[in-house]
Amino acid sequence: MTTSATRSKAYLDDRAHVFHSWSAQGTLDPIDLVSGEGSYFWDSNGKKYLDFSSQLVNLNIGHQHPKLIAAIQEPVVGTNGILVPPAGYLQGVRDLCNKHGIVMMCDEVMAGFGRCGEWFAVNHWNVTPDLICFAKGVNSGYVPLGGVVISQKIADTFKDRMFPGGLTYSGHPLACGAAVASINIFKEEKIVEHARMLGKDVIGPALEKLKAKHPSVGDVRGLGVFWAIELVKNRDSRKPYVPYNASGADAKPMLELAAACKERGLWPFTHFNRMHVVPPCNTPVEDVKAGLAIIDEVLDIADKHYEN
């Protein structure tokens, strides 16, 4: 076995950061592949292997088939209510988990990677969970990818015993490459900071003005570029603008709002009795203001359904 001093950077990065499925992490000695073609692949020492595993019975058309490579070369393009926890809530959950030995997991599939004006939403409250699920914003859906951030404590429990789980696409190089590029873009273009500014200085204040102006707006809430406008027929009773999980004629008022947005050139995200304000994290300020102005116009329609 070669020593760690002669190992490739890819191998050392793997050992430092990658959590392998179906393995005891402390005794694992993975091979670091650098290329492949057809039924063969090569490691960082130049050794050639005939792949009789098909990468876990997965690589049916072989390594780097030229037609498939051409198809994916990087023009590939790709909700419950945006409920923001009150101050102290997540810390309380963290404290209860610590007290009772419960693993704390946070779902950051939508809320992570700049969407809430931080790398992860939990960063707003300086809370560290044991596990963080992520997907979507990690590479903006350009290539399918999801994952889990694992605390050192959790990872260490599988240092000397096998982790009994796995995924066919674990560590997929194309998907992970897209994630690395995306994260670098976030850093270089200061997208997290921009999203934070949009929420604090643009979207949040504008939505509060809409709430004051339109009686049909029962509540606005959110962080960064992750906001919800909750529509009601009466603020005192909190009667929703359309019934829960409405369909058919009951859903027509929300469909009318969505159609009105589209007529004005805005593609909205509506769910139940809510309009979500969730533009890309790097949307220019003037474009955000233009979109909010269209929502302002459309809410006049909602106000007509208000019941005094």
C-alpha atoms as a PDB file:
ATOM      1  CA  MET A   1       0.000   0.000   0.000  1.00  0.00           C
ATOM      2  CA  THR A   2       1.297   3.464  -0.820  1.00  0.00           C
ATOM      3  CA  THR A   3       1.735   5.891   2.050  1.00  0.00           C
ATOM      4  CA  SER A   4      -0.495   8.918   2.574  1.00  0.00           C
ATOM      5  CA  ALA A   5       2.405  11.132   1.520  1.00  0.00           C
ATOM      6  CA  THR A   6       2.300   9.654  -1.998  1.00  0.00           C
ATOM      7  CA  ARG A   7      -1.465   9.533  -2.298  1.00  0.00           C
ATOM      8  CA  SER A   8      -3.225  11.763  -4.801  1.00  0.00           C
ATOM      9  CA  LYS A   9      -5.101  14.854  -3.696  1.00  0.00           C
ATOM     10  CA  ALA A  10      -8.325  13.170  -4.818  1.00  0.00           C
ATOM     11  CA  TYR A  11      -7.656  10.271  -2.445  1.00  0.00           C
ATOM     12  CA  LEU A  12      -6.795  12.562   0.471  1.00  0.00           C
ATOM     13  CA  ASP A  13      -9.869  14.720  -0.155  1.00  0.00           C
ATOM     14  CA  ASP A  14     -11.990  11.578  -0.259  1.00  0.00           C
ATOM     15  CA  ARG A  15     -10.686  10.360   3.084  1.00  0.00           C
ATOM     16  CA  ALA A  16     -11.157  13.777   4.646  1.00  0.00           C
ATOM     17  CA  HIS A  17     -14.637  14.601   3.355  1.00  0.00           C
ATOM     18  CA  VAL A  18     -16.513  11.670   1.775  1.00  0.00           C
ATOM     19  CA  PHE A  19     -18.769   9.369   3.801  1.00  0.00           C
ATOM     20  CA  HIS A  20     -18.968   6.025   1.991  1.00  0.00           C
ATOM     21  CA  SER A  21     -21.989   3.751   1.980  1.00  0.00           C
ATOM     22  CA  TRP A  22     -21.785   0.098   3.025  1.00  0.00           C
ATOM     23  CA  SER A  23     -18.395   0.681   4.649  1.00  0.00           C
ATOM     24  CA  ALA A  24     -16.538   1.105   7.900  1.00  0.00           C
ATOM     25  CA  GLN A  25     -15.080   4.547   7.360  1.00  0.00           C
ATOM     26  CA  GLY A  26     -11.872   4.104   9.346  1.00  0.00           C
ATOM     27  CA  THR A  27     -10.589   1.037   7.477  1.00  0.00           C
ATOM     28  CA  LEU A  28     -11.677   2.001   3.978  1.00  0.00           C
ATOM     29  CA  ASP A  29      -8.954   2.312   1.343  1.00  0.00           C
ATOM     30  CA  PRO A  30     -10.773   3.491  -1.805  1.00  0.00           C
ATOM     31  CA  ILE A  31      -9.277   3.599  -5.244  1.00  0.00           C
ATOM     32  CA  ASP A  32      -9.101   7.018  -6.891  1.00  0.00           C
ATOM     33  CA  LEU A  33     -10.186   6.848 -10.525  1.00  0.00           C
ATOM     34  CA  VAL A  34      -8.906   9.434 -12.965  1.00  0.00           C
ATOM     35  CA  SER A  35     -10.391   8.296 -16.275  1.00  0.00           C
ATOM     36  CA  GLY A  36     -12.363   5.603 -18.020  1.00  0.00           C
ATOM     37  CA  GLU A  37     -13.178   4.453 -21.498  1.00  0.00           C
ATOM     38  CA  GLY A  38     -15.439   1.643 -22.614  1.00  0.00           C
ATOM     39  CA  SER A  39     -14.954  -1.324 -20.279  1.00  0.00           C
ATOM     40  CA  TYR A  40     -11.747   0.023 -18.695  1.00  0.00           C
ATOM     41  CA  PHE A  41     -10.775   2.630 -16.120  1.00  0.00           C
ATOM     42  CA  TRP A  42      -7.487   3.956 -14.764  1.00  0.00           C
ATOM     43  CA  ASP A  43      -6.373   4.956 -11.263  1.00  0.00           C
ATOM     44  CA  SER A  44      -4.090   7.846 -10.314  1.00  0.00           C
ATOM     45  CA  ASN A  45      -1.029   5.602 -10.582  1.00  0.00           C
ATOM     46  CA  GLY A  46      -1.855   4.795 -14.186  1.00  0.00           C
ATOM     47  CA  LYS A  47      -2.981   1.245 -13.485  1.00  0.00           C
ATOM     48  CA  LYS A  48      -5.557  -0.014 -15.975  1.00  0.00           C
ATOM     49  CA  TYR A  49      -8.561  -2.091 -14.839  1.00  0.00           C
ATOM     50  CA  LEU A  50     -11.076  -4.105 -16.841  1.00  0.00           C
ATOM     51  CA  ASP A  51     -14.358  -3.179 -15.144  1.00  0.00           C
ATOM     52  CA  PHE A  52     -16.222  -6.406 -14.394  1.00  0.00           C
ATOM     53  CA  SER A  53     -18.417  -4.658 -11.832  1.00  0.00           C
ATOM     54  CA  SER A  54     -19.917  -2.070 -14.185  1.00  0.00           C
ATOM     55  CA  GLN A  55     -19.644   0.300 -11.196  1.00  0.00           C
ATOM     56  CA  LEU A  56     -22.167  -1.630  -9.085  1.00  0.00           C
ATOM     57  CA  VAL A  57     -24.028  -3.038 -12.107  1.00  0.00           C
ATOM     58  CA  ASN A  58     -24.764   0.491 -13.252  1.00  0.00           C
ATOM     59  CA  LEU A  59     -22.559   1.410 -16.192  1.00  0.00           C
ATOM     60  CA  ASN A  60     -24.445  -0.437 -18.913  1.00  0.00           C
ATOM     61  CA  ILE A  61     -22.993   1.515 -21.846  1.00  0.00           C
ATOM     62  CA  GLY A  62     -19.463   1.701 -20.472  1.00  0.00           C
ATOM     63  CA  HIS A  63     -17.273   4.547 -19.293  1.00  0.00           C
ATOM     64  CA  GLN A  64     -17.436   7.884 -21.121  1.00  0.00           C
ATOM     65  CA  HIS A  65     -19.549   6.866 -24.078  1.00  0.00           C
ATOM     66  CA  PRO A  66     -18.930   9.738 -26.522  1.00  0.00           C
ATOM     67  CA  LYS A  67     -22.586  10.207 -27.504  1.00  0.00           C
ATOM     68  CA  LEU A  68     -23.707  10.462 -23.873  1.00  0.00           C
ATOM     69  CA  ILE A  69     -20.798  12.742 -22.948  1.00  0.00           C
ATOM     70  CA  ALA A  70     -21.811  15.057 -25.780  1.00  0.00           C
ATOM     71  CA  ALA A  71     -25.393  15.083 -24.520  1.00  0.00           C
ATOM     72  CA  ILE A  72     -24.474  16.309 -21.017  1.00  0.00           C
ATOM     73  CA  GLN A  73     -21.606  18.683 -21.727  1.00  0.00           C
ATOM     74  CA  GLU A  74     -22.420  20.749 -17.968  1.00  0.00           C
ATOM     75  CA  PRO A  75     -26.423  23.171 -21.870  1.00  0.00           C
ATOM     76  CA  VAL A  76     -28.267  21.070 -19.292  1.00  0.00           C
ATOM     77  CA  VAL A  77     -31.094  22.933 -17.563  1.00  0.00           C
ATOM     78  CA  GLY A  78     -33.258  21.745 -15.105  1.00  0.00           C
ATOM     79  CA  THR A  79     -44.188  23.464  -0.207  1.00  0.00           C
ATOM     80  CA  ASN A  80     -45.518  23.839   2.943  1.00  0.00           C
ATOM     81  CA  GLY A  81     -45.796  27.541   3.681  1.00  0.00           C
ATOM     82  CA  ILE A  82     -42.372  29.115   4.293  1.00  0.00           C
ATOM     83  CA  LEU A  83     -42.911  29.045   8.006  1.00  0.00           C
ATOM     84  CA  VAL A  84     -40.133  30.956   9.773  1.00  0.00           C
ATOM     85  CA  PRO A  85     -39.537  29.692  13.329  1.00  0.00           C
ATOM     86  CA  PRO A  86     -39.607  32.309  16.081  1.00  0.00           C
ATOM     87  CA  ALA A  87     -36.418  33.319  17.873  1.00  0.00           C
ATOM     88  CA  GLY A  88     -35.254  30.611  20.258  1.00  0.00           C
ATOM     89  CA  TYR A  89     -37.368  27.836  18.742  1.00  0.00           C
ATOM     90  CA  LEU A  90     -34.602  25.910  16.980  1.00  0.00           C
ATOM     91  CA  GLN A  91     -32.252  26.321  19.934  1.00  0.00           C
ATOM     92  CA  GLY A  92     -34.997  24.856  22.105  1.00  0.00           C
ATOM     93  CA  VAL A  93     -35.258  21.890  19.763  1.00  0.00           C
ATOM     94  CA  ARG A  94     -31.477  21.494  19.831  1.00  0.00           C
ATOM     95  CA  ASP A  95     -31.458  21.568  23.646  1.00  0.00           C
ATOM     96  CA  LEU A  96     -34.220  18.954  23.876  1.00  0.00           C
ATOM     97  CA  CYS A  97     -32.379  16.700  21.429  1.00  0.00           C
ATOM     98  CA  ASN A  98     -29.179  17.023  23.470  1.00  0.00           C
ATOM     99  CA  LYS A  99     -31.033  16.289  26.708  1.00  0.00           C
ATOM    100  CA  HIS A 100     -32.781  13.169  25.450  1.00  0.00           C
ATOM    101  CA  GLY A 101     -30.174  11.822  23.035  1.00  0.00           C
ATOM    102  CA  ILE A 102     -32.220  12.552  19.918  1.00  0.00           C
ATOM    103  CA  VAL A 103     -30.612  13.095  16.523  1.00  0.00           C
ATOM    104  CA  MET A 104     -31.590  16.489  15.099  1.00  0.00           C
ATOM    105  CA  MET A 105     -32.094  16.609  11.332  1.00  0.00           C
ATOM    106  CA  CYS A 106     -32.868  19.763   9.332  1.00  0.00           C
ATOM    107  CA  ASP A 107     -34.462  19.700   5.896  1.00  0.00           C
ATOM    108  CA  GLU A 108     -32.680  22.350   3.821  1.00  0.00           C
ATOM    109  CA  VAL A 109     -33.705  21.035   0.407  1.00  0.00           C
ATOM    110  CA  MET A 110     -35.496  24.300  -0.412  1.00  0.00           C
ATOM    111  CA  ALA A 111     -34.192  26.578   2.325  1.00  0.00           C
ATOM    112  CA  GLY A 112     -30.463  25.938   1.845  1.00  0.00           C
ATOM    113  CA  PHE A 113     -27.754  27.388  -0.370  1.00  0.00           C
ATOM    114  CA  GLY A 114     -28.540  31.073  -0.172  1.00  0.00           C
ATOM    115  CA  ARG A 115     -32.314  30.840  -0.408  1.00  0.00           C
ATOM    116  CA  CYS A 116     -32.774  32.264   3.111  1.00  0.00           C
ATOM    117  CA  GLY A 117     -29.867  34.682   2.865  1.00  0.00           C
ATOM    118  CA  GLU A 118     -27.435  32.252   4.506  1.00  0.00           C
ATOM    119  CA  TRP A 119     -25.686  29.117   3.298  1.00  0.00           C
ATOM    120  CA  PHE A 120     -28.273  27.193   5.333  1.00  0.00           C
ATOM    121  CA  ALA A 121     -31.390  28.527   7.030  1.00  0.00           C
ATOM    122  CA  VAL A 122     -30.241  27.221  10.437  1.00  0.00           C
ATOM    123  CA  ASN A 123     -27.308  29.647  10.253  1.00  0.00           C
ATOM    124  CA  HIS A 124     -29.768  32.444  11.080  1.00  0.00           C
ATOM    125  CA  TRP A 125     -30.074  31.046  14.599  1.00  0.00           C
ATOM    126  CA  ASN A 126     -26.526  29.662  15.040  1.00  0.00           C
ATOM    127  CA  VAL A 127     -27.888  26.157  15.575  1.00  0.00           C
ATOM    128  CA  THR A 128     -25.905  23.113  14.467  1.00  0.00           C
ATOM    129  CA  PRO A 129     -28.007  20.031  13.692  1.00  0.00           C
ATOM    130  CA  ASP A 130     -26.614  16.504  13.465  1.00  0.00           C
ATOM    131  CA  LEU A 131     -27.743  16.044   9.881  1.00  0.00           C
ATOM    132  CA  ILE A 132     -28.684  18.457   7.098  1.00  0.00           C
ATOM    133  CA  CYS A 133     -30.516  17.222   3.996  1.00  0.00           C
ATOM    134  CA  PHE A 134     -29.867  19.263   0.866  1.00  0.00           C
ATOM    135  CA  ALA A 135     -30.654  19.222  -2.857  1.00  0.00           C
ATOM    136  CA  LYS A 136     -32.127  21.754  -5.331  1.00  0.00           C
ATOM    137  CA  GLY A 137     -30.064  24.911  -4.678  1.00  0.00           C
ATOM    138  CA  VAL A 138     -26.766  23.051  -4.261  1.00  0.00           C
ATOM    139  CA  ASN A 139     -26.383  23.201  -8.043  1.00  0.00           C
ATOM    140  CA  SER A 140     -29.642  24.915  -9.049  1.00  0.00           C
ATOM    141  CA  GLY A 141     -30.999  21.692 -10.536  1.00  0.00           C
ATOM    142  CA  TYR A 142     -28.697  21.805 -13.551  1.00  0.00           C
ATOM    143  CA  VAL A 143     -27.884  18.159 -12.766  1.00  0.00           C
ATOM    144  CA  PRO A 144     -29.871  15.991 -10.293  1.00  0.00           C
ATOM    145  CA  LEU A 145     -28.134  15.935  -6.913  1.00  0.00           C
ATOM    146  CA  GLY A 146     -29.059  15.552  -3.266  1.00  0.00           C
ATOM    147  CA  GLY A 147     -27.064  14.796  -0.165  1.00  0.00           C
ATOM    148  CA  VAL A 148     -26.700  14.895   3.585  1.00  0.00           C
ATOM    149  CA  VAL A 149     -24.239  16.886   5.676  1.00  0.00           C
ATOM    150  CA  ILE A 150     -23.192  14.640   8.567  1.00  0.00           C
ATOM    151  CA  SER A 151     -21.752  15.849  11.853  1.00  0.00           C
ATOM    152  CA  GLN A 152     -18.424  14.423  12.971  1.00  0.00           C
ATOM    153  CA  LYS A 153     -20.161  12.725  15.899  1.00  0.00           C
ATOM    154  CA  ILE A 154     -22.536  10.845  13.597  1.00  0.00           C
ATOM    155  CA  ALA A 155     -19.767   9.978  11.159  1.00  0.00           C
ATOM    156  CA  ASP A 156     -17.573   8.599  13.953  1.00  0.00           C
ATOM    157  CA  THR A 157     -20.220   6.033  14.903  1.00  0.00           C
ATOM    158  CA  PHE A 158     -19.451   4.315  11.601  1.00  0.00           C
ATOM    159  CA  LYS A 159     -15.684   4.543  11.821  1.00  0.00           C
ATOM    160  CA  ASP A 160     -15.259   0.885  12.764  1.00  0.00           C
ATOM    161  CA  ARG A 161     -18.598  -0.556  11.689  1.00  0.00           C
ATOM    162  CA  MET A 162     -20.270  -0.631   8.309  1.00  0.00           C
ATOM    163  CA  PHE A 163     -22.816   2.024   7.392  1.00  0.00           C
ATOM    164  CA  PRO A 164     -25.792  -0.113   6.242  1.00  0.00           C
ATOM    165  CA  GLY A 165     -27.036   2.010   3.373  1.00  0.00           C
ATOM    166  CA  GLY A 166     -26.083   3.233  -0.045  1.00  0.00           C
ATOM    167  CA  LEU A 167     -27.083   4.884  -3.295  1.00  0.00           C
ATOM    168  CA  THR A 168     -26.308   3.946  -6.880  1.00  0.00           C
ATOM    169  CA  TYR A 169     -25.313   7.532  -7.678  1.00  0.00           C
ATOM    170  CA  SER A 170     -23.354   8.217  -4.502  1.00  0.00           C
ATOM    171  CA  GLY A 171     -20.603  10.717  -5.227  1.00  0.00           C
ATOM    172  CA  HIS A 172     -21.568  10.993  -8.903  1.00  0.00           C
ATOM    173  CA  PRO A 173     -18.734  13.021 -10.478  1.00  0.00           C
ATOM    174  CA  LEU A 174     -20.881  15.009 -12.910  1.00  0.00           C
ATOM    175  CA  ALA A 175     -23.446  15.985 -10.274  1.00  0.00           C
ATOM    176  CA  CYS A 176     -20.772  16.769  -7.695  1.00  0.00           C
ATOM    177  CA  GLY A 177     -18.803  18.741 -10.275  1.00  0.00           C
ATOM    178  CA  ALA A 178     -21.892  20.867 -10.865  1.00  0.00           C
ATOM    179  CA  ALA A 179     -22.200  21.400  -7.103  1.00  0.00           C
ATOM    180  CA  VAL A 180     -18.578  22.508  -6.779  1.00  0.00           C
ATOM    181  CA  ALA A 181     -19.005  24.947  -9.662  1.00  0.00           C
ATOM    182  CA  SER A 182     -22.231  26.258  -8.119  1.00  0.00           C
ATOM    183  CA  ILE A 183     -20.647  26.779  -4.707  1.00  0.00           C
ATOM    184  CA  ASN A 184     -17.754  28.636  -6.314  1.00  0.00           C
ATOM    185  CA  ILE A 185     -20.231  30.867  -8.163  1.00  0.00           C
ATOM    186  CA  PHE A 186     -21.992  31.607  -4.858  1.00  0.00           C
ATOM    187  CA  LYS A 187     -18.667  32.680  -3.359  1.00  0.00           C
ATOM    188  CA  GLU A 188     -17.271  34.597  -6.316  1.00  0.00           C
ATOM    189  CA  GLU A 189     -20.474  36.515  -7.040  1.00  0.00           C
ATOM    190  CA  LYS A 190     -21.463  36.962  -3.366  1.00  0.00           C
ATOM    191  CA  ILE A 191     -24.883  35.473  -4.048  1.00  0.00           C
ATOM    192  CA  VAL A 192     -25.617  34.612  -0.412  1.00  0.00           C
ATOM    193  CA  GLU A 193     -24.977  38.223   0.576  1.00  0.00           C
ATOM    194  CA  HIS A 194     -27.139  39.429  -2.315  1.00  0.00           C
ATOM    195  CA  ALA A 195     -30.010  37.151  -1.267  1.00  0.00           C
ATOM    196  CA  ARG A 196     -29.734  38.411   2.306  1.00  0.00           C
ATOM    197  CA  MET A 197     -29.893  42.006   1.082  1.00  0.00           C
ATOM    198  CA  LEU A 198     -32.909  41.322  -1.143  1.00  0.00           C
ATOM    199  CA  GLY A 199     -34.852  39.895   1.777  1.00  0.00           C
ATOM    200  CA  LYS A 200     -33.914  42.622   4.224  1.00  0.00           C
ATOM    201  CA  ASP A 201     -33.993  45.698   2.018  1.00  0.00           C
ATOM    202  CA  VAL A 202     -36.277  44.883  -0.905  1.00  0.00           C
ATOM    203  CA  ILE A 203     -38.694  41.955  -0.585  1.00  0.00           C
ATOM    204  CA  GLY A 204     -39.465  42.139   3.131  1.00  0.00           C
ATOM    205  CA  PRO A 205     -40.308  45.879   3.203  1.00  0.00           C
ATOM    206  CA  ALA A 206     -42.253  45.655  -0.071  1.00  0.00           C
ATOM    207  CA  LEU A 207     -44.390  42.763   1.177  1.00  0.00           C
ATOM    208  CA  GLU A 208     -45.163  44.614   4.399  1.00  0.00           C
ATOM    209  CA  LYS A 209     -46.436  47.501   2.261  1.00  0.00           C
ATOM    210  CA  LEU A 210     -48.578  45.089   0.254  1.00  0.00           C
ATOM    211  CA  LYS A 211     -50.020  43.711   3.489  1.00  0.00           C
ATOM    212  CA  ALA A 212     -50.934  47.202   4.634  1.00  0.00           C
ATOM    213  CA  LYS A 213     -52.464  48.054   1.251  1.00  0.00           C
ATOM    214  CA  HIS A 214     -54.390  44.876   0.401  1.00  0.00           C
ATOM    215  CA  PRO A 215     -56.946  43.474   2.867  1.00  0.00           C
ATOM    216  CA  SER A 216     -56.705  40.085   1.166  1.00  0.00           C
ATOM    217  CA  VAL A 217     -53.131  39.700   2.428  1.00  0.00           C
ATOM    218  CA  GLY A 218     -53.457  37.975   5.790  1.00  0.00           C
ATOM    219  CA  ASP A 219     -49.756  37.489   6.418  1.00  0.00           C
ATOM    220  CA  VAL A 220     -46.335  37.794   4.822  1.00  0.00           C
ATOM    221  CA  ARG A 221     -43.303  35.899   6.092  1.00  0.00           C
ATOM    222  CA  GLY A 222     -39.905  34.721   5.006  1.00  0.00           C
ATOM    223  CA  LEU A 223     -36.171  35.285   4.798  1.00  0.00           C
ATOM    224  CA  GLY A 224     -33.775  36.093   1.981  1.00  0.00           C
ATOM    225  CA  VAL A 225     -35.544  35.188  -1.253  1.00  0.00           C
ATOM    226  CA  PHE A 226     -37.888  32.663   0.387  1.00  0.00           C
ATOM    227  CA  TRP A 227     -41.213  34.380   1.127  1.00  0.00           C
ATOM    228  CA  ALA A 228     -44.919  33.618   1.267  1.00  0.00           C
ATOM    229  CA  ILE A 229     -47.951  35.862   0.846  1.00  0.00           C
ATOM    230  CA  GLU A 230     -50.885  34.222   2.620  1.00  0.00           C
ATOM    231  CA  LEU A 231     -54.206  35.269   1.137  1.00  0.00           C
ATOM    232  CA  VAL A 232     -57.443  35.377   3.133  1.00  0.00           C
ATOM    233  CA  LYS A 233     -61.076  36.304   2.626  1.00  0.00           C
ATOM    234  CA  ASN A 234     -61.221  37.797   6.104  1.00  0.00           C
ATOM    235  CA  ARG A 235     -58.351  38.773   8.360  1.00  0.00           C
ATOM    236  CA  ASP A 236     -60.269  38.474  11.611  1.00  0.00           C
ATOM    237  CA  SER A 237     -61.473  34.921  10.981  1.00  0.00           C
ATOM    238  CA  ARG A 238     -58.364  33.989   8.979  1.00  0.00           C
ATOM    239  CA  LYS A 239     -60.645  32.357   6.434  1.00  0.00           C
ATOM    240  CA  PRO A 240     -58.320  31.278   3.605  1.00  0.00           C
ATOM    241  CA  TYR A 241     -58.715  32.764   0.140  1.00  0.00           C
ATOM    242  CA  VAL A 242     -59.436  29.250  -1.164  1.00  0.00           C
ATOM    243  CA  PRO A 243     -60.132  26.101   0.864  1.00  0.00           C
ATOM    244  CA  TYR A 244     -57.287  23.828   1.885  1.00  0.00           C
ATOM    245  CA  ASN A 245     -56.182  21.624  -1.023  1.00  0.00           C
ATOM    246  CA  ALA A 246     -58.869  23.190  -3.194  1.00  0.00           C
ATOM    247  CA  SER A 247     -59.630  21.854  -6.648  1.00  0.00           C
ATOM    248  CA  GLY A 248     -62.098  22.572  -9.428  1.00  0.00           C
ATOM    249  CA  ALA A 249     -64.310  25.609  -8.909  1.00  0.00           C
ATOM    250  CA  ASP A 250     -62.979  26.080  -5.349  1.00  0.00           C
ATOM    251  CA  ALA A 251     -59.470  26.660  -6.690  1.00  0.00           C
ATOM    252  CA  LYS A 252     -60.578  29.115  -9.376  1.00  0.00           C
ATOM    253  CA  PRO A 253     -59.693  32.333  -7.463  1.00  0.00           C
ATOM    254  CA  MET A 254     -56.025  31.282  -7.112  1.00  0.00           C
ATOM    255  CA  LEU A 255     -55.913  30.130 -10.717  1.00  0.00           C
ATOM    256  CA  GLU A 256     -57.182  33.564 -11.756  1.00  0.00           C
ATOM    257  CA  LEU A 257     -54.383  35.245  -9.811  1.00  0.00           C
ATOM    258  CA  ALA A 258     -51.779  32.998 -11.392  1.00  0.00           C
ATOM    259  CA  ALA A 259     -53.186  33.664 -14.853  1.00  0.00           C
ATOM    260  CA  ALA A 260     -53.159  37.412 -14.227  1.00  0.00           C
ATOM    261  CA  CYS A 261     -49.492  37.223 -13.264  1.00  0.00           C
ATOM    262  CA  LYS A 262     -48.635  35.298 -16.417  1.00  0.00           C
ATOM    263  CA  GLU A 263     -50.531  37.777 -18.583  1.00  0.00           C
ATOM    264  CA  ARG A 264     -48.276  40.490 -17.160  1.00  0.00           C
ATOM    265  CA  GLY A 265     -45.103  38.497 -17.799  1.00  0.00           C
ATOM    266  CA  LEU A 266     -44.538  37.062 -14.318  1.00  0.00           C
ATOM    267  CA  TRP A 267     -44.407  33.307 -13.726  1.00  0.00           C
ATOM    268  CA  PRO A 268     -45.749  32.786 -10.208  1.00  0.00           C
ATOM    269  CA  PHE A 269     -45.514  29.974  -7.658  1.00  0.00           C
ATOM    270  CA  THR A 270     -48.902  29.459  -5.995  1.00  0.00           C
ATOM    271  CA  HIS A 271     -49.796  26.770  -3.475  1.00  0.00           C
ATOM    272  CA  PHE A 272     -53.126  26.424  -1.679  1.00  0.00           C
ATOM    273  CA  ASN A 273     -53.985  30.004  -0.598  1.00  0.00           C
ATOM    274  CA  ARG A 274     -50.459  31.349  -0.908  1.00  0.00           C
ATOM    275  CA  MET A 275     -48.296  33.146  -3.440  1.00  0.00           C
ATOM    276  CA  HIS A 276     -44.629  32.400  -2.889  1.00  0.00           C
ATOM    277  CA  VAL A 277     -41.998  34.996  -3.723  1.00  0.00           C
ATOM    278  CA  VAL A 278     -38.986  32.848  -4.540  1.00  0.00           C
ATOM    279  CA  PRO A 279     -36.951  34.300  -7.443  1.00  0.00           C
ATOM    280  CA  PRO A 280     -33.366  33.184  -8.143  1.00  0.00           C
ATOM    281  CA  CYS A 281     -31.000  34.284  -5.392  1.00  0.00           C
ATOM    282  CA  ASN A 282     -29.019  36.503  -7.753  1.00  0.00           C
ATOM    283  CA  THR A 283     -31.981  38.343  -9.304  1.00  0.00           C
ATOM    284  CA  PRO A 284     -31.165  42.046  -9.793  1.00  0.00           C
ATOM    285  CA  VAL A 285     -32.924  44.493  -7.486  1.00  0.00           C
ATOM    286  CA  GLU A 286     -34.810  46.212 -10.304  1.00  0.00           C
ATOM    287  CA  ASP A 287     -36.174  42.894 -11.564  1.00  0.00           C
ATOM    288  CA  VAL A 288     -37.357  41.969  -8.075  1.00  0.00           C
ATOM    289  CA  LYS A 289     -39.106  45.325  -7.783  1.00  0.00           C
ATOM    290  CA  ALA A 290     -40.737  44.820 -11.194  1.00  0.00           C
ATOM    291  CA  GLY A 291     -42.065  41.425 -10.135  1.00  0.00           C
ATOM    292  CA  LEU A 292     -43.397  42.790  -6.859  1.00  0.00           C
ATOM    293  CA  ALA A 293     -45.140  45.577  -8.760  1.00  0.00           C
ATOM    294  CA  ILE A 294     -46.982  42.976 -10.828  1.00  0.00           C
ATOM    295  CA  ILE A 295     -48.030  41.132  -7.673  1.00  0.00           C
ATOM    296  CA  ASP A 296     -49.286  44.468  -6.318  1.00  0.00           C
ATOM    297  CA  GLU A 297     -51.523  44.858  -9.395  1.00  0.00           C
ATOM    298  CA  VAL A 298     -52.791  41.285  -9.218  1.00  0.00           C
ATOM    299  CA  LEU A 299     -53.689  41.548  -5.543  1.00  0.00           C
ATOM    300  CA  ASP A 300     -56.369  44.067  -6.536  1.00  0.00           C
ATOM    301  CA  ILE A 301     -58.203  41.047  -7.959  1.00  0.00           C
ATOM    302  CA  ALA A 302     -57.870  39.189  -4.669  1.00  0.00           C
ATOM    303  CA  ASP A 303     -59.231  42.172  -2.756  1.00  0.00           C
ATOM    304  CA  LYS A 304     -62.495  41.868  -4.721  1.00  0.00           C
ATOM    305  CA  HIS A 305     -63.118  38.505  -3.040  1.00  0.00           C
ATOM    306  CA  TYR A 306     -62.585  39.916   0.459  1.00  0.00           C
ATOM    307  CA  GLU A 307     -65.486  39.408   2.849  1.00  0.00           C
ATOM    308  CA  ASN A 308     -66.033  42.152   5.419  1.00  0.00           C
END
